[in-house]
PDB file of all heavy atoms in Angstrom:
ATOM      1  N   ALA A   1       0.820  -1.182  -0.005  1.00  0.00           N
ATOM      2  CA  ALA A   1      -0.010  -0.006  -0.009  1.00  0.00           C
ATOM      3  C   ALA A   1       0.890   1.277   0.006  1.00  0.00           C
ATOM      4  O   ALA A   1       0.581   2.221  -0.722  1.00  0.00           O
ATOM      5  CB  ALA A   1      -0.966  -0.003   1.197  1.00  0.00           C
ATOM      6  N   ALA A   2       1.930   1.268   0.800  1.00  0.00           N
ATOM      7  CA  ALA A   2       2.837   2.349   0.837  1.00  0.00           C
ATOM      8  C   ALA A   2       3.465   2.633  -0.505  1.00  0.00           C
ATOM      9  O   ALA A   2       3.624   3.749  -0.988  1.00  0.00           O
ATOM     10  CB  ALA A   2       3.886   2.247   1.911  1.00  0.00           C
ATOM     11  N   ALA A   3       3.919   1.497  -1.146  1.00  0.00           N
ATOM     12  CA  ALA A   3       4.504   1.596  -2.511  1.00  0.00           C
ATOM     13  C   ALA A   3       3.507   2.125  -3.515  1.00  0.00           C
ATOM     14  O   ALA A   3       3.814   2.981  -4.397  1.00  0.00           O
ATOM     15  CB  ALA A   3       5.049   0.271  -2.934  1.00  0.00           C
ATOM     16  N   PHE A   4       2.288   1.656  -3.398  1.00  0.00           N
ATOM     17  CA  PHE A   4       1.229   2.080  -4.357  1.00  0.00           C
ATOM     18  C   PHE A   4       0.975   3.598  -4.222  1.00  0.00           C
ATOM     19  O   PHE A   4       0.864   4.319  -5.197  1.00  0.00           O
ATOM     20  CB  PHE A   4      -0.127   1.331  -4.063  1.00  0.00           C
ATOM     21  CG  PHE A   4      -1.250   1.785  -4.934  1.00  0.00           C
ATOM     22  CD1 PHE A   4      -1.371   1.379  -6.236  1.00  0.00           C
ATOM     23  CD2 PHE A   4      -2.203   2.648  -4.408  1.00  0.00           C
ATOM     24  CE1 PHE A   4      -2.444   1.802  -6.978  1.00  0.00           C
ATOM     25  CE2 PHE A   4      -3.259   3.103  -5.171  1.00  0.00           C
ATOM     26  CZ  PHE A   4      -3.385   2.652  -6.480  1.00  0.00           C
ATOM     27  N   GLU A   5       0.943   4.036  -2.960  1.00  0.00           N
ATOM     28  CA  GLU A   5       0.728   5.472  -2.725  1.00  0.00           C
ATOM     29  C   GLU A   5       1.854   6.324  -3.365  1.00  0.00           C
ATOM     30  O   GLU A   5       1.594   7.339  -4.008  1.00  0.00           O
ATOM     31  CB  GLU A   5       0.655   5.789  -1.223  1.00  0.00           C
ATOM     32  CG  GLU A   5       0.318   7.195  -0.920  1.00  0.00           C
ATOM     33  CD  GLU A   5      -0.369   7.384   0.392  1.00  0.00           C
ATOM     34  OE1 GLU A   5      -0.586   6.409   1.157  1.00  0.00           O
ATOM     35  OE2 GLU A   5      -0.625   8.545   0.721  1.00  0.00           O
ATOM     36  N   GLY A   6       3.109   5.858  -3.241  1.00  0.00           N
ATOM     37  CA  GLY A   6       4.232   6.557  -3.889  1.00  0.00           C
ATOM     38  C   GLY A   6       4.052   6.571  -5.387  1.00  0.00           C
ATOM     39  O   GLY A   6       4.309   7.572  -6.052  1.00  0.00           O
ATOM     40  N   GLY A   7       3.643   5.463  -5.939  1.00  0.00           N
ATOM     41  CA  GLY A   7       3.451   5.407  -7.380  1.00  0.00           C
ATOM     42  C   GLY A   7       2.333   6.326  -7.899  1.00  0.00           C
ATOM     43  O   GLY A   7       2.405   6.951  -8.939  1.00  0.00           O
ATOM     44  N   MET A   8       1.280   6.420  -7.069  1.00  0.00           N
ATOM     45  CA  MET A   8       0.156   7.330  -7.427  1.00  0.00           C
ATOM     46  C   MET A   8       0.593   8.777  -7.379  1.00  0.00           C
ATOM     47  O   MET A   8       0.178   9.608  -8.227  1.00  0.00           O
ATOM     48  CB  MET A   8      -1.039   7.086  -6.489  1.00  0.00           C
ATOM     49  CG  MET A   8      -1.760   5.794  -6.686  1.00  0.00           C
ATOM     50  SD  MET A   8      -2.475   5.620  -8.356  1.00  0.00           S
ATOM     51  CE  MET A   8      -3.693   6.890  -8.289  1.00  0.00           C
ATOM     52  N   ILE A   9       1.443   9.122  -6.429  1.00  0.00           N
ATOM     53  CA  ILE A   9       1.915  10.523  -6.310  1.00  0.00           C
ATOM     54  C   ILE A   9       2.794  10.784  -7.534  1.00  0.00           C
ATOM     55  O   ILE A   9       2.681  11.869  -8.154  1.00  0.00           O
ATOM     56  CB  ILE A   9       2.754  10.679  -5.033  1.00  0.00           C
ATOM     57  CG1 ILE A   9       1.830  10.602  -3.817  1.00  0.00           C
ATOM     58  CG2 ILE A   9       3.481  12.026  -5.044  1.00  0.00           C
ATOM     59  CD1 ILE A   9       2.572  10.477  -2.484  1.00  0.00           C
ATOM     60  N   LEU A  10       3.583   9.853  -7.977  1.00  0.00           N
ATOM     61  CA  LEU A  10       4.434  10.011  -9.160  1.00  0.00           C
ATOM     62  C   LEU A  10       3.538  10.171 -10.417  1.00  0.00           C
ATOM     63  O   LEU A  10       3.829  11.077 -11.243  1.00  0.00           O
ATOM     64  CB  LEU A  10       5.396   8.851  -9.351  1.00  0.00           C
ATOM     65  CG  LEU A  10       6.269   8.870 -10.545  1.00  0.00           C
ATOM     66  CD1 LEU A  10       7.259  10.062 -10.453  1.00  0.00           C
ATOM     67  CD2 LEU A  10       7.139   7.558 -10.652  1.00  0.00           C
ATOM     68  N   LEU A  11       2.483   9.396 -10.545  1.00  0.00           N
ATOM     69  CA  LEU A  11       1.550   9.520 -11.677  1.00  0.00           C
ATOM     70  C   LEU A  11       0.904  10.870 -11.710  1.00  0.00           C
ATOM     71  O   LEU A  11       0.797  11.540 -12.752  1.00  0.00           O
ATOM     72  CB  LEU A  11       0.511   8.368 -11.623  1.00  0.00           C
ATOM     73  CG  LEU A  11      -0.512   8.439 -12.743  1.00  0.00           C
ATOM     74  CD1 LEU A  11       0.112   8.237 -14.098  1.00  0.00           C
ATOM     75  CD2 LEU A  11      -1.585   7.343 -12.456  1.00  0.00           C
ATOM     76  N   ALA A  12       0.485  11.371 -10.536  1.00  0.00           N
ATOM     77  CA  ALA A  12      -0.137  12.702 -10.468  1.00  0.00           C
ATOM     78  C   ALA A  12       0.852  13.754 -10.871  1.00  0.00           C
ATOM     79  O   ALA A  12       0.483  14.699 -11.572  1.00  0.00           O
ATOM     80  CB  ALA A  12      -0.657  12.970  -9.062  1.00  0.00           C
ATOM     81  N   ALA A  13       2.101  13.584 -10.481  1.00  0.00           N
ATOM     82  CA  ALA A  13       3.154  14.601 -10.881  1.00  0.00           C
ATOM     83  C   ALA A  13       3.319  14.638 -12.373  1.00  0.00           C
ATOM     84  O   ALA A  13       3.465  15.693 -12.953  1.00  0.00           O
ATOM     85  CB  ALA A  13       4.444  14.269 -10.173  1.00  0.00           C
ATOM     86  N   VAL A  14       3.304  13.463 -13.024  1.00  0.00           N
ATOM     87  CA  VAL A  14       3.422  13.380 -14.429  1.00  0.00           C
ATOM     88  C   VAL A  14       2.249  14.069 -15.128  1.00  0.00           C
ATOM     89  O   VAL A  14       2.413  14.891 -16.063  1.00  0.00           O
ATOM     90  CB  VAL A  14       3.538  11.948 -14.948  1.00  0.00           C
ATOM     91  CG1 VAL A  14       3.416  11.824 -16.466  1.00  0.00           C
ATOM     92  CG2 VAL A  14       4.850  11.341 -14.486  1.00  0.00           C
ATOM     93  N   VAL A  15       1.002  13.822 -14.699  1.00  0.00           N
ATOM     94  CA  VAL A  15      -0.191  14.430 -15.269  1.00  0.00           C
ATOM     95  C   VAL A  15      -0.142  15.975 -15.094  1.00  0.00           C
ATOM     96  O   VAL A  15      -0.427  16.723 -16.016  1.00  0.00           O
ATOM     97  CB  VAL A  15      -1.434  13.871 -14.687  1.00  0.00           C
ATOM     98  CG1 VAL A  15      -2.703  14.633 -15.091  1.00  0.00           C
ATOM     99  CG2 VAL A  15      -1.639  12.358 -15.086  1.00  0.00           C
ATOM    100  N   ILE A  16       0.237  16.419 -13.914  1.00  0.00           N
ATOM    101  CA  ILE A  16       0.366  17.829 -13.629  1.00  0.00           C
ATOM    102  C   ILE A  16       1.411  18.474 -14.520  1.00  0.00           C
ATOM    103  O   ILE A  16       1.186  19.575 -15.071  1.00  0.00           O
ATOM    104  CB  ILE A  16       0.626  18.085 -12.114  1.00  0.00           C
ATOM    105  CG1 ILE A  16      -0.626  17.689 -11.312  1.00  0.00           C
ATOM    106  CG2 ILE A  16       1.028  19.509 -11.856  1.00  0.00           C
ATOM    107  CD1 ILE A  16      -0.406  17.537  -9.815  1.00  0.00           C
ATOM    108  N   THR A  17       2.513  17.830 -14.705  1.00  0.00           N
ATOM    109  CA  THR A  17       3.606  18.369 -15.542  1.00  0.00           C
ATOM    110  C   THR A  17       3.131  18.483 -16.992  1.00  0.00           C
ATOM    111  O   THR A  17       3.346  19.479 -17.629  1.00  0.00           O
ATOM    112  CB  THR A  17       4.844  17.463 -15.432  1.00  0.00           C
ATOM    113  OG1 THR A  17       5.239  17.414 -14.088  1.00  0.00           O
ATOM    114  CG2 THR A  17       5.952  17.986 -16.359  1.00  0.00           C
ATOM    115  N   ILE A  18       2.448  17.462 -17.492  1.00  0.00           N
ATOM    116  CA  ILE A  18       1.957  17.516 -18.858  1.00  0.00           C
ATOM    117  C   ILE A  18       0.931  18.665 -19.042  1.00  0.00           C
ATOM    118  O   ILE A  18       1.005  19.399 -20.013  1.00  0.00           O
ATOM    119  CB  ILE A  18       1.263  16.144 -19.230  1.00  0.00           C
ATOM    120  CG1 ILE A  18       2.390  15.096 -19.366  1.00  0.00           C
ATOM    121  CG2 ILE A  18       0.469  16.257 -20.517  1.00  0.00           C
ATOM    122  CD1 ILE A  18       1.818  13.669 -19.470  1.00  0.00           C
ATOM    123  N   ARG A  19       0.045  18.833 -18.051  1.00  0.00           N
ATOM    124  CA  ARG A  19      -0.930  19.928 -18.116  1.00  0.00           C
ATOM    125  C   ARG A  19      -0.185  21.287 -18.135  1.00  0.00           C
ATOM    126  O   ARG A  19      -0.569  22.175 -18.820  1.00  0.00           O
ATOM    127  CB  ARG A  19      -1.924  19.812 -16.978  1.00  0.00           C
ATOM    128  CG  ARG A  19      -2.814  21.001 -16.773  1.00  0.00           C
ATOM    129  CD  ARG A  19      -3.995  20.943 -17.709  1.00  0.00           C
ATOM    130  NE  ARG A  19      -4.951  21.949 -17.311  1.00  0.00           N
ATOM    131  CZ  ARG A  19      -5.441  22.895 -18.149  1.00  0.00           C
ATOM    132  NH1 ARG A  19      -5.164  22.790 -19.417  1.00  0.00           N
ATOM    133  NH2 ARG A  19      -6.250  23.781 -17.756  1.00  0.00           N
ATOM    134  N   THR A  20       0.800  21.358 -17.247  1.00  0.00           N
ATOM    135  CA  THR A  20       1.569  22.664 -17.160  1.00  0.00           C
ATOM    136  C   THR A  20       2.256  22.984 -18.474  1.00  0.00           C
ATOM    137  O   THR A  20       2.260  24.118 -18.965  1.00  0.00           O
ATOM    138  CB  THR A  20       2.571  22.601 -15.988  1.00  0.00           C
ATOM    139  OG1 THR A  20       1.845  22.329 -14.809  1.00  0.00           O
ATOM    140  CG2 THR A  20       3.280  23.910 -15.839  1.00  0.00           C
ATOM    141  N   ILE A  21       2.919  21.982 -19.032  1.00  0.00           N
ATOM    142  CA  ILE A  21       3.586  22.188 -20.318  1.00  0.00           C
ATOM    143  C   ILE A  21       2.620  22.590 -21.428  1.00  0.00           C
ATOM    144  O   ILE A  21       2.899  23.485 -22.199  1.00  0.00           O
ATOM    145  CB  ILE A  21       4.409  20.928 -20.709  1.00  0.00           C
ATOM    146  CG1 ILE A  21       5.601  20.737 -19.736  1.00  0.00           C
ATOM    147  CG2 ILE A  21       4.896  20.967 -22.154  1.00  0.00           C
ATOM    148  CD1 ILE A  21       6.282  19.397 -19.885  1.00  0.00           C
ATOM    149  N   ASP A  22       1.480  21.959 -21.431  1.00  0.00           N
ATOM    150  CA  ASP A  22       0.421  22.286 -22.426  1.00  0.00           C
ATOM    151  C   ASP A  22       0.033  23.738 -22.277  1.00  0.00           C
ATOM    152  O   ASP A  22      -0.111  24.501 -23.293  1.00  0.00           O
ATOM    153  CB  ASP A  22      -0.763  21.358 -22.266  1.00  0.00           C
ATOM    154  CG  ASP A  22      -1.856  21.654 -23.249  1.00  0.00           C
ATOM    155  OD1 ASP A  22      -1.551  21.677 -24.457  1.00  0.00           O
ATOM    156  OD2 ASP A  22      -3.021  21.886 -22.833  1.00  0.00           O
ATOM    157  N   ILE A  23      -0.184  24.208 -21.016  1.00  0.00           N
ATOM    158  CA  ILE A  23      -0.594  25.595 -20.833  1.00  0.00           C
ATOM    159  C   ILE A  23       0.526  26.562 -21.257  1.00  0.00           C
ATOM    160  O   ILE A  23       0.282  27.545 -21.924  1.00  0.00           O
ATOM    161  CB  ILE A  23      -0.913  25.797 -19.328  1.00  0.00           C
ATOM    162  CG1 ILE A  23      -2.246  25.149 -19.005  1.00  0.00           C
ATOM    163  CG2 ILE A  23      -1.010  27.298 -18.978  1.00  0.00           C
ATOM    164  CD1 ILE A  23      -2.602  25.121 -17.530  1.00  0.00           C
ATOM    165  N   LEU A  24       1.814  26.244 -20.930  1.00  0.00           N
ATOM    166  CA  LEU A  24       2.901  27.079 -21.268  1.00  0.00           C
ATOM    167  C   LEU A  24       3.110  27.145 -22.822  1.00  0.00           C
ATOM    168  O   LEU A  24       3.350  28.228 -23.372  1.00  0.00           O
ATOM    169  CB  LEU A  24       4.189  26.587 -20.620  1.00  0.00           C
ATOM    170  CG  LEU A  24       4.271  26.770 -19.076  1.00  0.00           C
ATOM    171  CD1 LEU A  24       5.527  26.134 -18.519  1.00  0.00           C
ATOM    172  CD2 LEU A  24       4.270  28.320 -18.734  1.00  0.00           C
ATOM    173  N   LEU A  25       2.984  26.018 -23.485  1.00  0.00           N
ATOM    174  CA  LEU A  25       3.229  26.017 -24.930  1.00  0.00           C
ATOM    175  C   LEU A  25       2.100  26.605 -25.741  1.00  0.00           C
ATOM    176  O   LEU A  25       2.329  27.254 -26.745  1.00  0.00           O
ATOM    177  CB  LEU A  25       3.469  24.590 -25.399  1.00  0.00           C
ATOM    178  CG  LEU A  25       4.731  23.886 -24.941  1.00  0.00           C
ATOM    179  CD1 LEU A  25       4.837  22.442 -25.430  1.00  0.00           C
ATOM    180  CD2 LEU A  25       5.958  24.678 -25.367  1.00  0.00           C
ATOM    181  N   HIS A  26       0.956  26.440 -25.274  1.00  0.00           N
ATOM    182  CA  HIS A  26      -0.222  26.960 -26.008  1.00  0.00           C
ATOM    183  C   HIS A  26      -0.820  28.245 -25.431  1.00  0.00           C
ATOM    184  O   HIS A  26      -1.853  28.741 -25.938  1.00  0.00           O
ATOM    185  CB  HIS A  26      -1.353  25.844 -26.110  1.00  0.00           C
ATOM    186  CG  HIS A  26      -0.866  24.664 -26.829  1.00  0.00           C
ATOM    187  ND1 HIS A  26      -0.444  23.491 -26.205  1.00  0.00           N
ATOM    188  CD2 HIS A  26      -0.703  24.418 -28.145  1.00  0.00           C
ATOM    189  CE1 HIS A  26      -0.088  22.616 -27.066  1.00  0.00           C
ATOM    190  NE2 HIS A  26      -0.187  23.154 -28.311  1.00  0.00           N
ATOM    191  N   LYS A  27      -0.221  28.708 -24.379  1.00  0.00           N
ATOM    192  CA  LYS A  27      -0.630  29.965 -23.742  1.00  0.00           C
ATOM    193  C   LYS A  27      -2.144  29.940 -23.549  1.00  0.00           C
ATOM    194  O   LYS A  27      -2.846  30.911 -23.785  1.00  0.00           O
ATOM    195  CB  LYS A  27      -0.209  31.185 -24.510  1.00  0.00           C
ATOM    196  CG  LYS A  27       1.279  31.203 -24.587  1.00  0.00           C
ATOM    197  CD  LYS A  27       1.736  32.534 -25.280  1.00  0.00           C
ATOM    198  CE  LYS A  27       3.161  32.400 -25.606  1.00  0.00           C
ATOM    199  NZ  LYS A  27       4.154  33.028 -25.221  1.00  0.00           N
ATOM    200  N   SER A  28      -2.655  28.786 -23.085  1.00  0.00           N
ATOM    201  CA  SER A  28      -4.069  28.604 -22.937  1.00  0.00           C
ATOM    202  C   SER A  28      -4.543  28.737 -21.472  1.00  0.00           C
ATOM    203  O   SER A  28      -5.525  28.190 -21.070  1.00  0.00           O
ATOM    204  CB  SER A  28      -4.540  27.245 -23.448  1.00  0.00           C
ATOM    205  OG  SER A  28      -3.912  26.229 -22.709  1.00  0.00           O
ATOM    206  N   ALA A  29      -3.723  29.415 -20.643  1.00  0.00           N
ATOM    207  CA  ALA A  29      -4.048  29.553 -19.247  1.00  0.00           C
ATOM    208  C   ALA A  29      -5.294  30.357 -19.124  1.00  0.00           C
ATOM    209  O   ALA A  29      -5.475  31.429 -19.702  1.00  0.00           O
ATOM    210  CB  ALA A  29      -2.928  30.194 -18.499  1.00  0.00           C
ATOM    211  N   PRO A  30      -6.291  29.829 -18.356  1.00  0.00           N
ATOM    212  CA  PRO A  30      -7.514  30.552 -18.168  1.00  0.00           C
ATOM    213  C   PRO A  30      -7.310  31.853 -17.379  1.00  0.00           C
ATOM    214  O   PRO A  30      -6.371  31.941 -16.572  1.00  0.00           O
ATOM    215  CB  PRO A  30      -8.447  29.557 -17.469  1.00  0.00           C
ATOM    216  CG  PRO A  30      -7.484  28.620 -16.770  1.00  0.00           C
ATOM    217  CD  PRO A  30      -6.248  28.582 -17.624  1.00  0.00           C
ATOM    218  N   THR A  31      -8.255  32.739 -17.498  1.00  0.00           N
ATOM    219  CA  THR A  31      -8.235  33.958 -16.656  1.00  0.00           C
ATOM    220  C   THR A  31      -8.649  33.528 -15.254  1.00  0.00           C
ATOM    221  O   THR A  31      -9.623  32.838 -15.074  1.00  0.00           O
ATOM    222  CB  THR A  31      -9.190  35.005 -17.209  1.00  0.00           C
ATOM    223  OG1 THR A  31      -8.890  35.274 -18.559  1.00  0.00           O
ATOM    224  CG2 THR A  31      -9.189  36.265 -16.405  1.00  0.00           C
ATOM    225  N   VAL A  32      -7.871  33.994 -14.278  1.00  0.00           N
ATOM    226  CA  VAL A  32      -8.180  33.636 -12.884  1.00  0.00           C
ATOM    227  C   VAL A  32      -9.159  34.658 -12.283  1.00  0.00           C
ATOM    228  O   VAL A  32      -8.993  35.865 -12.459  1.00  0.00           O
ATOM    229  CB  VAL A  32      -6.851  33.617 -12.035  1.00  0.00           C
ATOM    230  CG1 VAL A  32      -7.138  33.327 -10.605  1.00  0.00           C
ATOM    231  CG2 VAL A  32      -5.923  32.568 -12.642  1.00  0.00           C
ATOM    232  N   GLY A  33     -10.174  34.158 -11.648  1.00  0.00           N
ATOM    233  CA  GLY A  33     -11.176  35.044 -11.017  1.00  0.00           C
ATOM    234  C   GLY A  33     -11.473  34.533  -9.600  1.00  0.00           C
ATOM    235  O   GLY A  33     -11.085  33.469  -9.202  1.00  0.00           O
ATOM    236  N   ARG A  34     -12.142  35.332  -8.850  1.00  0.00           N
ATOM    237  CA  ARG A  34     -12.608  35.052  -7.491  1.00  0.00           C
ATOM    238  C   ARG A  34     -11.459  34.475  -6.586  1.00  0.00           C
ATOM    239  O   ARG A  34     -11.619  33.446  -5.954  1.00  0.00           O
ATOM    240  CB  ARG A  34     -13.787  34.057  -7.493  1.00  0.00           C
ATOM    241  CG  ARG A  34     -15.125  34.576  -8.020  1.00  0.00           C
ATOM    242  CD  ARG A  34     -15.730  35.765  -7.247  1.00  0.00           C
ATOM    243  NE  ARG A  34     -15.672  35.793  -5.868  1.00  0.00           N
ATOM    244  CZ  ARG A  34     -16.660  35.376  -5.048  1.00  0.00           C
ATOM    245  NH1 ARG A  34     -17.770  35.053  -5.544  1.00  0.00           N
ATOM    246  NH2 ARG A  34     -16.507  35.441  -3.726  1.00  0.00           N
ATOM    247  N   LEU A  35     -10.388  35.199  -6.569  1.00  0.00           N
ATOM    248  CA  LEU A  35      -9.234  34.740  -5.765  1.00  0.00           C
ATOM    249  C   LEU A  35      -9.566  34.708  -4.297  1.00  0.00           C
ATOM    250  O   LEU A  35      -9.095  33.819  -3.596  1.00  0.00           O
ATOM    251  CB  LEU A  35      -8.006  35.616  -5.973  1.00  0.00           C
ATOM    252  CG  LEU A  35      -7.281  35.401  -7.294  1.00  0.00           C
ATOM    253  CD1 LEU A  35      -6.149  36.363  -7.427  1.00  0.00           C
ATOM    254  CD2 LEU A  35      -6.828  33.981  -7.440  1.00  0.00           C
ATOM    255  N   ASP A  36     -10.422  35.575  -3.818  1.00  0.00           N
ATOM    256  CA  ASP A  36     -10.746  35.629  -2.381  1.00  0.00           C
ATOM    257  C   ASP A  36     -11.384  34.288  -1.958  1.00  0.00           C
ATOM    258  O   ASP A  36     -10.988  33.693  -0.964  1.00  0.00           O
ATOM    259  CB  ASP A  36     -11.645  36.798  -2.097  1.00  0.00           C
ATOM    260  CG  ASP A  36     -12.941  36.803  -2.918  1.00  0.00           C
ATOM    261  OD1 ASP A  36     -12.965  36.193  -3.997  1.00  0.00           O
ATOM    262  OD2 ASP A  36     -13.901  37.464  -2.500  1.00  0.00           O
ATOM    263  N   LEU A  37     -12.384  33.854  -2.708  1.00  0.00           N
ATOM    264  CA  LEU A  37     -13.090  32.601  -2.394  1.00  0.00           C
ATOM    265  C   LEU A  37     -12.089  31.403  -2.613  1.00  0.00           C
ATOM    266  O   LEU A  37     -12.073  30.475  -1.796  1.00  0.00           O
ATOM    267  CB  LEU A  37     -14.315  32.474  -3.224  1.00  0.00           C
ATOM    268  CG  LEU A  37     -15.208  31.193  -2.937  1.00  0.00           C
ATOM    269  CD1 LEU A  37     -15.605  31.110  -1.485  1.00  0.00           C
ATOM    270  CD2 LEU A  37     -16.438  31.249  -3.832  1.00  0.00           C
ATOM    271  N   GLY A  38     -11.333  31.474  -3.675  1.00  0.00           N
ATOM    272  CA  GLY A  38     -10.382  30.349  -3.955  1.00  0.00           C
ATOM    273  C   GLY A  38      -9.364  30.212  -2.840  1.00  0.00           C
ATOM    274  O   GLY A  38      -9.071  29.090  -2.428  1.00  0.00           O
ATOM    275  N   ILE A  39      -8.855  31.283  -2.371  1.00  0.00           N
ATOM    276  CA  ILE A  39      -7.831  31.281  -1.290  1.00  0.00           C
ATOM    277  C   ILE A  39      -8.485  30.704  -0.011  1.00  0.00           C
ATOM    278  O   ILE A  39      -7.865  29.947   0.700  1.00  0.00           O
ATOM    279  CB  ILE A  39      -7.224  32.695  -1.096  1.00  0.00           C
ATOM    280  CG1 ILE A  39      -6.299  33.001  -2.235  1.00  0.00           C
ATOM    281  CG2 ILE A  39      -6.442  32.717   0.270  1.00  0.00           C
ATOM    282  CD1 ILE A  39      -5.757  34.436  -2.244  1.00  0.00           C
TER     283      ILE A  39
END
């Protein structure tokens, strides 16, 4: 279970990295709104 959790964290990091690269390359970052509620 501990090893599985580590693997899931690694998988999430890969997905997040891919999403970030996509946003940087395509400049498709959405406009951020309602920061007060988000924070």
